PDB file of all heavy atoms in Angstrom:
ATOM      1  N   TYR A   1       6.617  -6.767   0.834  1.00  0.00           N
ATOM      2  CA  TYR A   1       5.774  -6.245   1.764  1.00  0.00           C
ATOM      3  C   TYR A   1       6.389  -6.217   3.195  1.00  0.00           C
ATOM      4  O   TYR A   1       7.142  -7.180   3.512  1.00  0.00           O
ATOM      5  CB  TYR A   1       4.466  -6.956   1.917  1.00  0.00           C
ATOM      6  CG  TYR A   1       3.620  -6.963   0.621  1.00  0.00           C
ATOM      7  CD1 TYR A   1       3.623  -7.938  -0.286  1.00  0.00           C
ATOM      8  CD2 TYR A   1       2.738  -5.885   0.386  1.00  0.00           C
ATOM      9  CE1 TYR A   1       2.807  -7.918  -1.456  1.00  0.00           C
ATOM     10  CE2 TYR A   1       1.893  -5.790  -0.619  1.00  0.00           C
ATOM     11  CZ  TYR A   1       2.018  -6.850  -1.593  1.00  0.00           C
ATOM     12  OH  TYR A   1       1.239  -6.749  -2.750  1.00  0.00           O
ATOM     13  N   ALA A   2       6.042  -5.285   3.989  1.00  0.00           N
ATOM     14  CA  ALA A   2       6.360  -5.342   5.422  1.00  0.00           C
ATOM     15  C   ALA A   2       5.612  -6.451   6.057  1.00  0.00           C
ATOM     16  O   ALA A   2       4.440  -6.648   5.663  1.00  0.00           O
ATOM     17  CB  ALA A   2       6.077  -4.096   6.105  1.00  0.00           C
ATOM     18  N   ASP A   3       6.020  -7.086   7.049  1.00  0.00           N
ATOM     19  CA  ASP A   3       5.407  -8.131   7.773  1.00  0.00           C
ATOM     20  C   ASP A   3       4.154  -7.703   8.304  1.00  0.00           C
ATOM     21  O   ASP A   3       3.151  -8.440   8.318  1.00  0.00           O
ATOM     22  CB  ASP A   3       6.304  -8.857   8.853  1.00  0.00           C
ATOM     23  CG  ASP A   3       7.487  -9.526   8.303  1.00  0.00           C
ATOM     24  OD1 ASP A   3       7.457  -9.930   7.097  1.00  0.00           O
ATOM     25  OD2 ASP A   3       8.354  -9.847   9.059  1.00  0.00           O
ATOM     26  N   SER A   4       4.070  -6.522   8.783  1.00  0.00           N
ATOM     27  CA  SER A   4       2.856  -6.096   9.403  1.00  0.00           C
ATOM     28  C   SER A   4       1.689  -5.828   8.480  1.00  0.00           C
ATOM     29  O   SER A   4       0.534  -5.638   8.948  1.00  0.00           O
ATOM     30  CB  SER A   4       3.105  -4.608  10.137  1.00  0.00           C
ATOM     31  OG  SER A   4       3.561  -3.740   9.193  1.00  0.00           O
ATOM     32  N   VAL A   5       1.878  -5.742   7.112  1.00  0.00           N
ATOM     33  CA  VAL A   5       0.771  -5.497   6.275  1.00  0.00           C
ATOM     34  C   VAL A   5       0.561  -6.733   5.244  1.00  0.00           C
ATOM     35  O   VAL A   5      -0.403  -6.717   4.571  1.00  0.00           O
ATOM     36  CB  VAL A   5       1.032  -4.223   5.439  1.00  0.00           C
ATOM     37  CG1 VAL A   5       1.273  -3.059   6.355  1.00  0.00           C
ATOM     38  CG2 VAL A   5       2.078  -4.432   4.452  1.00  0.00           C
ATOM     39  N   ARG A   6       1.459  -7.557   5.228  1.00  0.00           N
ATOM     40  CA  ARG A   6       1.439  -8.737   4.346  1.00  0.00           C
ATOM     41  C   ARG A   6       0.089  -9.518   4.564  1.00  0.00           C
ATOM     42  O   ARG A   6      -0.303  -9.807   5.647  1.00  0.00           O
ATOM     43  CB  ARG A   6       2.455  -9.638   4.532  1.00  0.00           C
ATOM     44  CG  ARG A   6       2.575 -10.804   3.402  1.00  0.00           C
ATOM     45  CD  ARG A   6       3.857 -11.675   3.417  1.00  0.00           C
ATOM     46  NE  ARG A   6       5.125 -10.839   3.143  1.00  0.00           N
ATOM     47  CZ  ARG A   6       6.067 -10.559   3.987  1.00  0.00           C
ATOM     48  NH1 ARG A   6       5.905 -10.841   5.196  1.00  0.00           N
ATOM     49  NH2 ARG A   6       7.007  -9.864   3.561  1.00  0.00           N
ATOM     50  N   GLY A   7      -0.659  -9.805   3.475  1.00  0.00           N
ATOM     51  CA  GLY A   7      -1.937 -10.418   3.481  1.00  0.00           C
ATOM     52  C   GLY A   7      -3.093  -9.341   3.711  1.00  0.00           C
ATOM     53  O   GLY A   7      -4.251  -9.776   3.373  1.00  0.00           O
ATOM     54  N   ARG A   8      -2.819  -8.158   3.972  1.00  0.00           N
ATOM     55  CA  ARG A   8      -3.853  -7.171   4.149  1.00  0.00           C
ATOM     56  C   ARG A   8      -3.870  -6.118   2.990  1.00  0.00           C
ATOM     57  O   ARG A   8      -4.804  -5.549   2.535  1.00  0.00           O
ATOM     58  CB  ARG A   8      -3.922  -6.522   5.450  1.00  0.00           C
ATOM     59  CG  ARG A   8      -4.034  -7.482   6.630  1.00  0.00           C
ATOM     60  CD  ARG A   8      -4.169  -6.734   7.956  1.00  0.00           C
ATOM     61  NE  ARG A   8      -2.927  -5.912   8.329  1.00  0.00           N
ATOM     62  CZ  ARG A   8      -2.897  -4.634   8.503  1.00  0.00           C
ATOM     63  NH1 ARG A   8      -4.033  -3.961   8.425  1.00  0.00           N
ATOM     64  NH2 ARG A   8      -1.687  -4.049   8.707  1.00  0.00           N
ATOM     65  N   PHE A   9      -2.472  -5.780   2.605  1.00  0.00           N
ATOM     66  CA  PHE A   9      -2.368  -4.758   1.551  1.00  0.00           C
ATOM     67  C   PHE A   9      -1.907  -5.363   0.396  1.00  0.00           C
ATOM     68  O   PHE A   9      -1.097  -6.381   0.417  1.00  0.00           O
ATOM     69  CB  PHE A   9      -1.201  -3.756   2.204  1.00  0.00           C
ATOM     70  CG  PHE A   9      -1.614  -2.850   3.304  1.00  0.00           C
ATOM     71  CD1 PHE A   9      -2.826  -3.069   4.052  1.00  0.00           C
ATOM     72  CD2 PHE A   9      -0.849  -1.857   3.743  1.00  0.00           C
ATOM     73  CE1 PHE A   9      -3.191  -2.275   5.015  1.00  0.00           C
ATOM     74  CE2 PHE A   9      -1.101  -1.035   4.770  1.00  0.00           C
ATOM     75  CZ  PHE A   9      -2.304  -1.195   5.452  1.00  0.00           C
ATOM     76  N   THR A  10      -2.107  -4.718  -0.794  1.00  0.00           N
ATOM     77  CA  THR A  10      -1.760  -5.161  -2.101  1.00  0.00           C
ATOM     78  C   THR A  10      -1.161  -3.982  -2.827  1.00  0.00           C
ATOM     79  O   THR A  10      -1.885  -2.988  -3.061  1.00  0.00           O
ATOM     80  CB  THR A  10      -2.783  -5.860  -2.848  1.00  0.00           C
ATOM     81  OG1 THR A  10      -3.296  -6.997  -2.100  1.00  0.00           O
ATOM     82  CG2 THR A  10      -2.283  -6.310  -4.194  1.00  0.00           C
ATOM     83  N   ILE A  11       0.063  -4.109  -3.398  1.00  0.00           N
ATOM     84  CA  ILE A  11       0.667  -3.029  -4.157  1.00  0.00           C
ATOM     85  C   ILE A  11       0.442  -3.409  -5.684  1.00  0.00           C
ATOM     86  O   ILE A  11       0.708  -4.663  -5.969  1.00  0.00           O
ATOM     87  CB  ILE A  11       2.070  -2.702  -3.771  1.00  0.00           C
ATOM     88  CG1 ILE A  11       2.662  -1.480  -4.455  1.00  0.00           C
ATOM     89  CG2 ILE A  11       2.997  -3.917  -3.961  1.00  0.00           C
ATOM     90  CD1 ILE A  11       3.959  -0.922  -3.947  1.00  0.00           C
ATOM     91  N   SER A  12       0.230  -2.454  -6.463  1.00  0.00           N
ATOM     92  CA  SER A  12       0.206  -2.800  -7.910  1.00  0.00           C
ATOM     93  C   SER A  12       0.670  -1.464  -8.637  1.00  0.00           C
ATOM     94  O   SER A  12       0.709  -0.431  -8.010  1.00  0.00           O
ATOM     95  CB  SER A  12      -1.252  -3.146  -8.307  1.00  0.00           C
ATOM     96  OG  SER A  12      -2.151  -2.181  -8.028  1.00  0.00           O
ATOM     97  N   ARG A  13       0.904  -1.658  -9.905  1.00  0.00           N
ATOM     98  CA  ARG A  13       1.296  -0.521 -10.684  1.00  0.00           C
ATOM     99  C   ARG A  13       0.772  -0.623 -12.133  1.00  0.00           C
ATOM    100  O   ARG A  13       0.618  -1.841 -12.620  1.00  0.00           O
ATOM    101  CB  ARG A  13       2.789  -0.270 -10.709  1.00  0.00           C
ATOM    102  CG  ARG A  13       3.626  -1.314 -11.390  1.00  0.00           C
ATOM    103  CD  ARG A  13       5.135  -1.087 -11.038  1.00  0.00           C
ATOM    104  NE  ARG A  13       5.702  -0.063 -11.869  1.00  0.00           N
ATOM    105  CZ  ARG A  13       6.931   0.421 -11.678  1.00  0.00           C
ATOM    106  NH1 ARG A  13       7.741  -0.086 -10.730  1.00  0.00           N
ATOM    107  NH2 ARG A  13       7.434   1.419 -12.395  1.00  0.00           N
ATOM    108  N   ASP A  14       0.553   0.461 -12.751  1.00  0.00           N
ATOM    109  CA  ASP A  14       0.156   0.504 -14.194  1.00  0.00           C
ATOM    110  C   ASP A  14       1.275   1.311 -14.837  1.00  0.00           C
ATOM    111  O   ASP A  14       1.324   2.562 -14.701  1.00  0.00           O
ATOM    112  CB  ASP A  14      -1.190   1.240 -14.230  1.00  0.00           C
ATOM    113  CG  ASP A  14      -1.726   1.277 -15.756  1.00  0.00           C
ATOM    114  OD1 ASP A  14      -0.960   1.290 -16.659  1.00  0.00           O
ATOM    115  OD2 ASP A  14      -2.902   1.411 -15.884  1.00  0.00           O
ATOM    116  N   ASN A  15       2.205   0.520 -15.501  1.00  0.00           N
ATOM    117  CA  ASN A  15       3.306   1.222 -16.134  1.00  0.00           C
ATOM    118  C   ASN A  15       2.903   2.181 -17.224  1.00  0.00           C
ATOM    119  O   ASN A  15       3.589   3.180 -17.516  1.00  0.00           O
ATOM    120  CB  ASN A  15       4.286   0.207 -16.702  1.00  0.00           C
ATOM    121  CG  ASN A  15       4.968  -0.596 -15.634  1.00  0.00           C
ATOM    122  OD1 ASN A  15       5.194  -0.025 -14.497  1.00  0.00           O
ATOM    123  ND2 ASN A  15       5.295  -1.938 -15.827  1.00  0.00           N
ATOM    124  N   ALA A  16       1.753   1.918 -17.867  1.00  0.00           N
ATOM    125  CA  ALA A  16       1.253   2.837 -19.000  1.00  0.00           C
ATOM    126  C   ALA A  16       0.928   4.193 -18.421  1.00  0.00           C
ATOM    127  O   ALA A  16       0.975   5.243 -19.091  1.00  0.00           O
ATOM    128  CB  ALA A  16       0.266   2.231 -19.746  1.00  0.00           C
ATOM    129  N   LYS A  17       0.493   4.209 -17.242  1.00  0.00           N
ATOM    130  CA  LYS A  17      -0.060   5.449 -16.618  1.00  0.00           C
ATOM    131  C   LYS A  17       0.948   5.908 -15.479  1.00  0.00           C
ATOM    132  O   LYS A  17       0.733   6.932 -14.876  1.00  0.00           O
ATOM    133  CB  LYS A  17      -1.346   5.147 -15.787  1.00  0.00           C
ATOM    134  CG  LYS A  17      -2.547   4.771 -16.761  1.00  0.00           C
ATOM    135  CD  LYS A  17      -3.803   4.606 -16.023  1.00  0.00           C
ATOM    136  CE  LYS A  17      -5.024   4.307 -16.817  1.00  0.00           C
ATOM    137  NZ  LYS A  17      -6.257   4.101 -16.144  1.00  0.00           N
ATOM    138  N   ASN A  18       2.080   5.230 -15.293  1.00  0.00           N
ATOM    139  CA  ASN A  18       3.063   5.646 -14.406  1.00  0.00           C
ATOM    140  C   ASN A  18       2.489   5.931 -13.008  1.00  0.00           C
ATOM    141  O   ASN A  18       2.739   6.856 -12.373  1.00  0.00           O
ATOM    142  CB  ASN A  18       3.844   6.936 -14.955  1.00  0.00           C
ATOM    143  CG  ASN A  18       4.676   6.636 -16.084  1.00  0.00           C
ATOM    144  OD1 ASN A  18       5.340   5.683 -16.182  1.00  0.00           O
ATOM    145  ND2 ASN A  18       4.633   7.512 -16.985  1.00  0.00           N
ATOM    146  N   THR A  19       1.690   4.942 -12.660  1.00  0.00           N
ATOM    147  CA  THR A  19       0.876   5.052 -11.420  1.00  0.00           C
ATOM    148  C   THR A  19       1.082   3.767 -10.563  1.00  0.00           C
ATOM    149  O   THR A  19       1.083   2.696 -11.102  1.00  0.00           O
ATOM    150  CB  THR A  19      -0.654   5.300 -11.670  1.00  0.00           C
ATOM    151  OG1 THR A  19      -0.760   6.506 -12.446  1.00  0.00           O
ATOM    152  CG2 THR A  19      -1.417   5.434 -10.432  1.00  0.00           C
ATOM    153  N   VAL A  20       1.261   3.998  -9.263  1.00  0.00           N
ATOM    154  CA  VAL A  20       1.249   2.922  -8.368  1.00  0.00           C
ATOM    155  C   VAL A  20       0.165   3.053  -7.361  1.00  0.00           C
ATOM    156  O   VAL A  20      -0.290   4.070  -7.057  1.00  0.00           O
ATOM    157  CB  VAL A  20       2.638   2.901  -7.567  1.00  0.00           C
ATOM    158  CG1 VAL A  20       2.838   4.127  -6.712  1.00  0.00           C
ATOM    159  CG2 VAL A  20       2.769   1.563  -6.765  1.00  0.00           C
ATOM    160  N   TYR A  21      -0.378   1.805  -7.031  1.00  0.00           N
ATOM    161  CA  TYR A  21      -1.583   1.882  -6.154  1.00  0.00           C
ATOM    162  C   TYR A  21      -1.264   1.028  -4.830  1.00  0.00           C
ATOM    163  O   TYR A  21      -0.305   0.103  -4.842  1.00  0.00           O
ATOM    164  CB  TYR A  21      -2.685   1.156  -6.825  1.00  0.00           C
ATOM    165  CG  TYR A  21      -3.077   1.821  -8.191  1.00  0.00           C
ATOM    166  CD1 TYR A  21      -2.643   1.296  -9.372  1.00  0.00           C
ATOM    167  CD2 TYR A  21      -3.962   2.938  -8.177  1.00  0.00           C
ATOM    168  CE1 TYR A  21      -2.873   1.863 -10.580  1.00  0.00           C
ATOM    169  CE2 TYR A  21      -4.250   3.519  -9.429  1.00  0.00           C
ATOM    170  CZ  TYR A  21      -3.795   2.854 -10.522  1.00  0.00           C
ATOM    171  OH  TYR A  21      -4.072   3.447 -11.775  1.00  0.00           O
ATOM    172  N   LEU A  22      -1.995   1.362  -3.796  1.00  0.00           N
ATOM    173  CA  LEU A  22      -1.864   0.448  -2.609  1.00  0.00           C
ATOM    174  C   LEU A  22      -3.263   0.253  -2.052  1.00  0.00           C
ATOM    175  O   LEU A  22      -3.914   1.197  -1.574  1.00  0.00           O
ATOM    176  CB  LEU A  22      -1.036   1.235  -1.486  1.00  0.00           C
ATOM    177  CG  LEU A  22      -0.765   0.386  -0.278  1.00  0.00           C
ATOM    178  CD1 LEU A  22       0.163  -0.817  -0.541  1.00  0.00           C
ATOM    179  CD2 LEU A  22      -0.187   1.276   0.869  1.00  0.00           C
ATOM    180  N   GLN A  23      -3.741  -0.947  -2.282  1.00  0.00           N
ATOM    181  CA  GLN A  23      -5.060  -1.383  -1.766  1.00  0.00           C
ATOM    182  C   GLN A  23      -4.811  -1.833  -0.241  1.00  0.00           C
ATOM    183  O   GLN A  23      -4.098  -2.780  -0.029  1.00  0.00           O
ATOM    184  CB  GLN A  23      -5.638  -2.519  -2.579  1.00  0.00           C
ATOM    185  CG  GLN A  23      -7.009  -3.049  -2.123  1.00  0.00           C
ATOM    186  CD  GLN A  23      -8.087  -1.971  -2.256  1.00  0.00           C
ATOM    187  OE1 GLN A  23      -8.154  -1.246  -3.257  1.00  0.00           O
ATOM    188  NE2 GLN A  23      -8.834  -1.834  -1.172  1.00  0.00           N
ATOM    189  N   MET A  24      -5.508  -1.129   0.633  1.00  0.00           N
ATOM    190  CA  MET A  24      -5.478  -1.423   2.009  1.00  0.00           C
ATOM    191  C   MET A  24      -6.735  -1.963   2.632  1.00  0.00           C
ATOM    192  O   MET A  24      -7.594  -1.345   2.525  1.00  0.00           O
ATOM    193  CB  MET A  24      -4.991  -0.204   2.860  1.00  0.00           C
ATOM    194  CG  MET A  24      -3.770   0.440   2.265  1.00  0.00           C
ATOM    195  SD  MET A  24      -3.091   1.824   3.252  1.00  0.00           S
ATOM    196  CE  MET A  24      -4.440   2.929   3.046  1.00  0.00           C
ATOM    197  N   ASN A  25      -6.746  -3.270   2.970  1.00  0.00           N
ATOM    198  CA  ASN A  25      -7.904  -3.911   3.565  1.00  0.00           C
ATOM    199  C   ASN A  25      -7.699  -4.246   4.994  1.00  0.00           C
ATOM    200  O   ASN A  25      -6.532  -4.210   5.465  1.00  0.00           O
ATOM    201  CB  ASN A  25      -8.179  -5.206   2.748  1.00  0.00           C
ATOM    202  CG  ASN A  25      -8.524  -4.921   1.230  1.00  0.00           C
ATOM    203  OD1 ASN A  25      -9.026  -3.886   0.995  1.00  0.00           O
ATOM    204  ND2 ASN A  25      -8.250  -5.863   0.452  1.00  0.00           N
ATOM    205  N   SER A  26      -8.763  -4.507   5.721  1.00  0.00           N
ATOM    206  CA  SER A  26      -8.696  -4.908   7.153  1.00  0.00           C
ATOM    207  C   SER A  26      -7.791  -3.976   7.939  1.00  0.00           C
ATOM    208  O   SER A  26      -6.917  -4.372   8.648  1.00  0.00           O
ATOM    209  CB  SER A  26      -8.202  -6.342   7.268  1.00  0.00           C
ATOM    210  OG  SER A  26      -8.965  -7.273   6.552  1.00  0.00           O
ATOM    211  N   LEU A  27      -8.008  -2.673   7.769  1.00  0.00           N
ATOM    212  CA  LEU A  27      -7.143  -1.706   8.370  1.00  0.00           C
ATOM    213  C   LEU A  27      -7.307  -1.725   9.843  1.00  0.00           C
ATOM    214  O   LEU A  27      -8.365  -2.047  10.422  1.00  0.00           O
ATOM    215  CB  LEU A  27      -7.550  -0.271   7.844  1.00  0.00           C
ATOM    216  CG  LEU A  27      -6.951  -0.042   6.428  1.00  0.00           C
ATOM    217  CD1 LEU A  27      -7.772   1.147   5.696  1.00  0.00           C
ATOM    218  CD2 LEU A  27      -5.518   0.357   6.489  1.00  0.00           C
ATOM    219  N   LYS A  28      -6.243  -1.439  10.486  1.00  0.00           N
ATOM    220  CA  LYS A  28      -6.070  -1.368  11.981  1.00  0.00           C
ATOM    221  C   LYS A  28      -5.654  -0.018  12.404  1.00  0.00           C
ATOM    222  O   LYS A  28      -5.062   0.794  11.671  1.00  0.00           O
ATOM    223  CB  LYS A  28      -5.023  -2.445  12.575  1.00  0.00           C
ATOM    224  CG  LYS A  28      -5.284  -3.891  11.883  1.00  0.00           C
ATOM    225  CD  LYS A  28      -4.097  -4.745  12.398  1.00  0.00           C
ATOM    226  CE  LYS A  28      -4.332  -6.245  11.921  1.00  0.00           C
ATOM    227  NZ  LYS A  28      -3.149  -7.066  12.249  1.00  0.00           N
ATOM    228  N   SER A  29      -5.920   0.236  13.666  1.00  0.00           N
ATOM    229  CA  SER A  29      -5.592   1.536  14.275  1.00  0.00           C
ATOM    230  C   SER A  29      -4.006   1.831  14.092  1.00  0.00           C
ATOM    231  O   SER A  29      -3.632   2.918  13.827  1.00  0.00           O
ATOM    232  CB  SER A  29      -5.875   1.773  15.691  1.00  0.00           C
ATOM    233  OG  SER A  29      -5.417   0.608  16.434  1.00  0.00           O
ATOM    234  N   GLU A  30      -3.232   0.690  14.185  1.00  0.00           N
ATOM    235  CA  GLU A  30      -1.770   0.936  14.048  1.00  0.00           C
ATOM    236  C   GLU A  30      -1.385   1.262  12.658  1.00  0.00           C
ATOM    237  O   GLU A  30      -0.159   1.474  12.398  1.00  0.00           O
ATOM    238  CB  GLU A  30      -1.004  -0.259  14.529  1.00  0.00           C
ATOM    239  CG  GLU A  30      -1.491  -1.610  14.046  1.00  0.00           C
ATOM    240  CD  GLU A  30      -2.495  -2.307  14.925  1.00  0.00           C
ATOM    241  OE1 GLU A  30      -3.464  -1.621  15.458  1.00  0.00           O
ATOM    242  OE2 GLU A  30      -2.467  -3.561  15.173  1.00  0.00           O
ATOM    243  N   ASP A  31      -2.293   1.232  11.656  1.00  0.00           N
ATOM    244  CA  ASP A  31      -1.983   1.652  10.294  1.00  0.00           C
ATOM    245  C   ASP A  31      -2.016   3.074  10.113  1.00  0.00           C
ATOM    246  O   ASP A  31      -1.675   3.622   9.033  1.00  0.00           O
ATOM    247  CB  ASP A  31      -2.865   0.950   9.272  1.00  0.00           C
ATOM    248  CG  ASP A  31      -2.716  -0.609   9.260  1.00  0.00           C
ATOM    249  OD1 ASP A  31      -1.573  -1.046   9.251  1.00  0.00           O
ATOM    250  OD2 ASP A  31      -3.729  -1.214   9.234  1.00  0.00           O
ATOM    251  N   THR A  32      -2.561   3.893  11.091  1.00  0.00           N
ATOM    252  CA  THR A  32      -2.591   5.252  11.125  1.00  0.00           C
ATOM    253  C   THR A  32      -1.269   5.889  10.847  1.00  0.00           C
ATOM    254  O   THR A  32      -0.361   5.678  11.656  1.00  0.00           O
ATOM    255  CB  THR A  32      -3.246   5.795  12.374  1.00  0.00           C
ATOM    256  OG1 THR A  32      -4.653   5.429  12.422  1.00  0.00           O
ATOM    257  CG2 THR A  32      -3.260   7.333  12.383  1.00  0.00           C
ATOM    258  N   ALA A  33      -1.096   6.754   9.839  1.00  0.00           N
ATOM    259  CA  ALA A  33       0.269   7.336   9.512  1.00  0.00           C
ATOM    260  C   ALA A  33       0.002   8.234   8.395  1.00  0.00           C
ATOM    261  O   ALA A  33      -0.994   8.128   7.679  1.00  0.00           O
ATOM    262  CB  ALA A  33       1.288   6.230   9.231  1.00  0.00           C
ATOM    263  N   VAL A  34       1.074   8.950   8.103  1.00  0.00           N
ATOM    264  CA  VAL A  34       1.127   9.632   6.711  1.00  0.00           C
ATOM    265  C   VAL A  34       1.823   8.587   5.706  1.00  0.00           C
ATOM    266  O   VAL A  34       2.911   8.088   6.151  1.00  0.00           O
ATOM    267  CB  VAL A  34       1.977  11.007   6.850  1.00  0.00           C
ATOM    268  CG1 VAL A  34       2.051  11.588   5.494  1.00  0.00           C
ATOM    269  CG2 VAL A  34       1.264  11.905   7.830  1.00  0.00           C
ATOM    270  N   TYR A  35       1.210   8.375   4.706  1.00  0.00           N
ATOM    271  CA  TYR A  35       1.812   7.427   3.654  1.00  0.00           C
ATOM    272  C   TYR A  35       2.449   8.244   2.552  1.00  0.00           C
ATOM    273  O   TYR A  35       1.859   9.181   2.004  1.00  0.00           O
ATOM    274  CB  TYR A  35       0.647   6.704   3.156  1.00  0.00           C
ATOM    275  CG  TYR A  35       0.252   5.491   4.071  1.00  0.00           C
ATOM    276  CD1 TYR A  35      -0.336   5.799   5.329  1.00  0.00           C
ATOM    277  CD2 TYR A  35       0.495   4.213   3.858  1.00  0.00           C
ATOM    278  CE1 TYR A  35      -0.819   4.872   6.280  1.00  0.00           C
ATOM    279  CE2 TYR A  35       0.237   3.179   4.801  1.00  0.00           C
ATOM    280  CZ  TYR A  35      -0.425   3.499   6.009  1.00  0.00           C
ATOM    281  OH  TYR A  35      -0.831   2.552   6.772  1.00  0.00           O
ATOM    282  N   TYR A  36       3.598   7.872   2.239  1.00  0.00           N
ATOM    283  CA  TYR A  36       4.414   8.512   1.214  1.00  0.00           C
ATOM    284  C   TYR A  36       4.760   7.521   0.074  1.00  0.00           C
ATOM    285  O   TYR A  36       5.140   6.444   0.208  1.00  0.00           O
ATOM    286  CB  TYR A  36       5.785   9.073   1.811  1.00  0.00           C
ATOM    287  CG  TYR A  36       5.637  10.020   2.803  1.00  0.00           C
ATOM    288  CD1 TYR A  36       5.576   9.655   4.121  1.00  0.00           C
ATOM    289  CD2 TYR A  36       5.580  11.431   2.578  1.00  0.00           C
ATOM    290  CE1 TYR A  36       5.489  10.650   5.178  1.00  0.00           C
ATOM    291  CE2 TYR A  36       5.555  12.371   3.518  1.00  0.00           C
ATOM    292  CZ  TYR A  36       5.407  12.035   4.825  1.00  0.00           C
ATOM    293  OH  TYR A  36       5.365  12.870   5.748  1.00  0.00           O
ATOM    294  N   CYS A  37       4.601   8.102  -1.157  1.00  0.00           N
ATOM    295  CA  CYS A  37       4.902   7.449  -2.302  1.00  0.00           C
ATOM    296  C   CYS A  37       6.414   7.678  -2.652  1.00  0.00           C
ATOM    297  O   CYS A  37       6.877   8.712  -2.419  1.00  0.00           O
ATOM    298  CB  CYS A  37       4.115   7.898  -3.499  1.00  0.00           C
ATOM    299  SG  CYS A  37       4.406   7.090  -5.115  1.00  0.00           S
ATOM    300  N   ASN A  38       7.092   6.691  -3.145  1.00  0.00           N
ATOM    301  CA  ASN A  38       8.553   6.699  -3.419  1.00  0.00           C
ATOM    302  C   ASN A  38       8.752   6.169  -4.814  1.00  0.00           C
ATOM    303  O   ASN A  38       8.194   5.137  -5.108  1.00  0.00           O
ATOM    304  CB  ASN A  38       9.385   6.100  -2.379  1.00  0.00           C
ATOM    305  CG  ASN A  38      10.868   5.998  -2.663  1.00  0.00           C
ATOM    306  OD1 ASN A  38      11.358   5.096  -3.294  1.00  0.00           O
ATOM    307  ND2 ASN A  38      11.514   7.000  -2.248  1.00  0.00           N
ATOM    308  N   ALA A  39       9.594   6.811  -5.583  1.00  0.00           N
ATOM    309  CA  ALA A  39       9.959   6.211  -6.836  1.00  0.00           C
ATOM    310  C   ALA A  39      11.435   6.296  -7.051  1.00  0.00           C
ATOM    311  O   ALA A  39      12.107   7.379  -6.575  1.00  0.00           O
ATOM    312  CB  ALA A  39       9.268   7.025  -7.937  1.00  0.00           C
TER     313      ALA A  39
END
């Protein structure tokens, strides 16, 4: 995790579904951005 999101965001993946998730909690205005998935 990036230091700025550690403790607030959680990444997980379901290999059977080939899907990755990002749970974002306690969002701040500085989290505003375009989010891109990378594989």
